[in-house]
Amino acid sequence: MLSFWLEPEIFQPMNSAIWWMLVAQVFFAAMNLCTRLGGRDLPWAEVGAARFLVGALMAGALAWYQGVSLGITDQRSAWRRSLFGALSAVCTFYALASDRIALGDVATLGATAPIFVALLSAPLLGERVGRRVTIAIFLVFAGIVAVVGPSFGVAAPVAAVAIAGAMLYALALIWLRKVGPGETPYAIVLHFSLVGLCAMLLFAIPVWVWPDTQGALVLLGAGLTGGGAQIAMTRAYSLHRAAPLAALSGLGIVLTHLLAIPVLGEEPSRWQMGGSLLVIGASLLLTAAPEPVAVPARPPN
């Protein structure tokens, strides 16, 4: 695994956007689990701060080892991506650490981001997804109702925060795609990690709790998996268009549910599983959309 990060050219036949995104989803599922475990004894923002601190160190170390630049040429897009991503992370880590909603449900709600990506792809990226978006929106709405419905009174506030995080995440992905291949993945990850770290510390410092050995290991796990996922996802979005890649987040839902069953003892109900399948189905519907056609610029009056 270490050689994968240090010498990715060895895996050149598999070095595609889809493969990078699949790797990212595996790491994101592991990060979700570490965040829920860490949130039992530590403030959620402290877990988030650890994730971004380790992520920044990983990006800097890998860039130094490979001799790649950490400079940002498109400052405007990078800042927009980092600010939206940091706000999304605040919402997401709050929901992931909350015991008022199942971990798998948080992953399901977070996976609605592809719908928002699809809606924004045309005006911001010039990518057309087609009429499938309308159907996908209805599927996602039904999935959210199924997931949150059985525990609406308790879970609704946290679910609203998770959905807000998904919307902000979609905007971050849009600006990540606009950054394009001109920037190195490590530069983008480092920039985002530092902005996210500052955002998390604003919430963490007033309620800071020094972790014990077990807590420190959980924080390290959240940082390593979150940082690895961010690097892989950034690489994926620099290689391919936004909507189909975001649709692969359905894998993250499945893996998070599977990890939560043995580790946390969660047993998803039929409603929750049905809602998750609807969200995954909506994402797959977007993936099956034809290649986009660039929207021509309207001539000046």
Foldseek 3Di string as FASTA:
>chain_A
DVCCLQPVVVVVVQPALQSLLVLLLLLVLLLLVLLQVLLVPFPLLVLLLLQLVLLLVVLVVSCVSNVHDLDADCVVLLVLLLVLLLLLSVLLSVLSNDPLADSLLLLLLLLLLLLLLQVCCCVLPQFHLPPLSVVLVVLLVLLNCLRCVVSVVRCVVSSVSSNSSSNSNSSSLSSLLVSADPHQLSSSSNSNSVSNSVSSCVVAVVPPDDDDPVSVVSSNSSNVSSSSSSSSNSSSSNRDPRNLSSLVSLVSSVSNVVVCCPPVVDDDDPSNVSSSVSNNVSSVSSNPGDGTDGDDDDDDD
